[in-house]
Amino acid sequence: MQTITWDQFTTVEIRVGTVMHVEPFPEARRPAYRITVDFGSDIGIRRTSAQVTTLYAPEELVGRQVVGVVNFPPKQIGPMMSEFLLAGFYREDGAVVLAIPERAVPDGAKLG
């Protein structure tokens, strides 16, 4: 494991947002959704692609708060531009379990 300094950690913008919209992403190489999240007034609405189809149906995700890294540069994923990284943990079977706040917090709240 590589160690980092506190100053390096503080440059990562890990924020909470509320899922507004989820749709299938059939153009993805592996099963995925297109996910739209509201990160509050300072950051706004961002979109990403996420391979979370094994454990989550679209209707389960809408309205749920999620955690994302919002200061990576945009990344082209097939025909869409990903604007943040949705945080999650891989299980042994490869399924992704989302990182979510234990209780509701304001959209845009920063981990720290």
Protein backbone atom coordinates (compact mmCIF):
# COMPACT_ATOMS: atom_id res chain seq x y z
CA MET A 1 0.00 0.00 0.00
CA GLN A 2 1.31 3.43 -0.96
CA THR A 3 1.01 6.14 1.68
CA ILE A 4 -0.03 9.71 0.94
CA THR A 5 0.21 12.94 2.88
CA TRP A 6 -2.73 14.73 4.46
CA ASP A 7 -2.25 17.53 1.92
CA GLN A 8 -2.59 15.02 -0.94
CA PHE A 9 -5.78 13.60 0.58
CA THR A 10 -7.36 17.03 0.96
CA THR A 11 -7.07 17.62 -2.80
CA VAL A 12 -9.56 14.80 -3.49
CA GLU A 13 -13.11 16.19 -3.65
CA ILE A 14 -15.24 13.37 -2.22
CA ARG A 15 -18.81 14.66 -2.12
CA VAL A 16 -22.33 13.44 -1.43
CA GLY A 17 -25.12 13.82 -3.95
CA THR A 18 -28.64 12.56 -4.62
CA VAL A 19 -29.36 10.29 -7.58
CA MET A 20 -31.84 12.02 -9.88
CA HIS A 21 -32.00 9.69 -12.88
CA VAL A 22 -30.80 6.21 -13.84
CA GLU A 23 -31.04 4.56 -17.23
CA PRO A 24 -29.53 1.50 -18.90
CA PHE A 25 -26.27 2.06 -20.78
CA PRO A 26 -26.45 -0.61 -23.51
CA GLU A 27 -23.38 0.75 -25.33
CA ALA A 28 -21.11 -0.11 -22.37
CA ARG A 29 -18.81 -3.12 -22.72
CA ARG A 30 -20.08 -4.56 -19.42
CA PRO A 31 -23.57 -4.05 -17.97
CA ALA A 32 -23.82 -0.51 -16.62
CA TYR A 33 -26.16 2.39 -15.95
CA ARG A 34 -25.96 6.07 -16.87
CA ILE A 35 -26.46 7.85 -13.55
CA THR A 36 -27.27 11.54 -12.98
CA VAL A 37 -26.52 12.97 -9.52
CA ASP A 38 -27.22 16.36 -7.94
CA PHE A 39 -24.18 17.43 -5.90
CA GLY A 40 -25.75 20.67 -4.67
CA SER A 41 -25.53 24.26 -5.79
CA ASP A 42 -21.71 24.60 -5.66
CA ILE A 43 -20.99 21.59 -7.90
CA GLY A 44 -24.28 21.02 -9.68
CA ILE A 45 -25.53 18.05 -11.63
CA ARG A 46 -23.03 15.49 -12.88
CA ARG A 47 -23.33 12.28 -14.94
CA THR A 48 -21.39 9.05 -14.89
CA SER A 49 -21.48 5.45 -15.97
CA ALA A 50 -21.37 2.78 -13.27
CA GLN A 51 -21.30 -1.02 -13.32
CA VAL A 52 -23.72 -1.47 -10.43
CA THR A 53 -26.40 -3.46 -12.26
CA THR A 54 -25.82 -6.69 -10.29
CA LEU A 55 -27.02 -5.35 -6.94
CA TYR A 56 -29.15 -2.31 -7.84
CA ALA A 57 -32.20 -1.71 -10.01
CA PRO A 58 -32.64 1.83 -11.39
CA GLU A 59 -35.70 2.49 -9.22
CA GLU A 60 -33.69 1.56 -6.08
CA LEU A 61 -31.08 4.20 -6.86
CA VAL A 62 -33.27 7.22 -7.66
CA GLY A 63 -33.55 9.42 -4.57
CA ARG A 64 -30.66 7.70 -2.79
CA GLN A 65 -27.61 9.63 -1.65
CA VAL A 66 -24.28 8.39 -3.01
CA VAL A 67 -20.61 9.32 -2.67
CA GLY A 68 -18.54 10.48 -5.63
CA VAL A 69 -15.15 11.93 -6.50
CA VAL A 70 -16.00 15.11 -8.40
CA ASN A 71 -12.60 16.56 -9.28
CA PHE A 72 -11.29 13.99 -11.75
CA PRO A 73 -11.14 15.30 -15.31
CA PRO A 74 -14.08 14.20 -17.50
CA LYS A 75 -13.55 10.80 -19.13
CA GLN A 76 -15.09 9.52 -22.37
CA ILE A 77 -16.86 6.20 -21.81
CA GLY A 78 -18.32 5.03 -25.08
CA PRO A 79 -20.77 7.68 -26.33
CA MET A 80 -21.00 9.52 -22.99
CA MET A 81 -18.69 11.77 -20.97
CA SER A 82 -18.28 10.66 -17.34
CA GLU A 83 -18.08 13.68 -15.03
CA PHE A 84 -17.39 11.99 -11.67
CA LEU A 85 -16.40 8.66 -10.12
CA LEU A 86 -19.16 6.89 -8.20
CA ALA A 87 -17.58 5.36 -5.08
CA GLY A 88 -18.11 1.71 -4.24
CA PHE A 89 -16.48 -1.47 -3.01
CA TYR A 90 -15.92 -4.68 -4.98
CA ARG A 91 -17.15 -7.92 -3.47
CA GLU A 92 -15.37 -11.22 -4.13
CA ASP A 93 -17.91 -12.02 -6.87
CA GLY A 94 -17.11 -8.74 -8.65
CA ALA A 95 -20.37 -6.98 -7.73
CA VAL A 96 -20.06 -3.34 -6.62
CA VAL A 97 -21.57 -2.20 -3.30
CA LEU A 98 -22.07 1.57 -3.27
CA ALA A 99 -20.43 3.79 -0.66
CA ILE A 100 -23.31 5.72 0.87
CA PRO A 101 -23.67 8.04 3.87
CA GLU A 102 -25.11 6.34 6.93
CA ARG A 103 -27.53 9.25 7.42
CA ALA A 104 -28.77 12.06 5.19
CA VAL A 105 -26.42 15.01 4.72
CA PRO A 106 -26.74 18.08 2.48
CA ASP A 107 -25.98 17.45 -1.19
CA GLY A 108 -22.45 18.64 -1.87
CA ALA A 109 -21.17 17.82 1.64
CA LYS A 110 -17.46 17.02 1.52
CA LEU A 111 -15.82 14.02 3.16
CA GLY A 112 -13.13 15.17 5.49
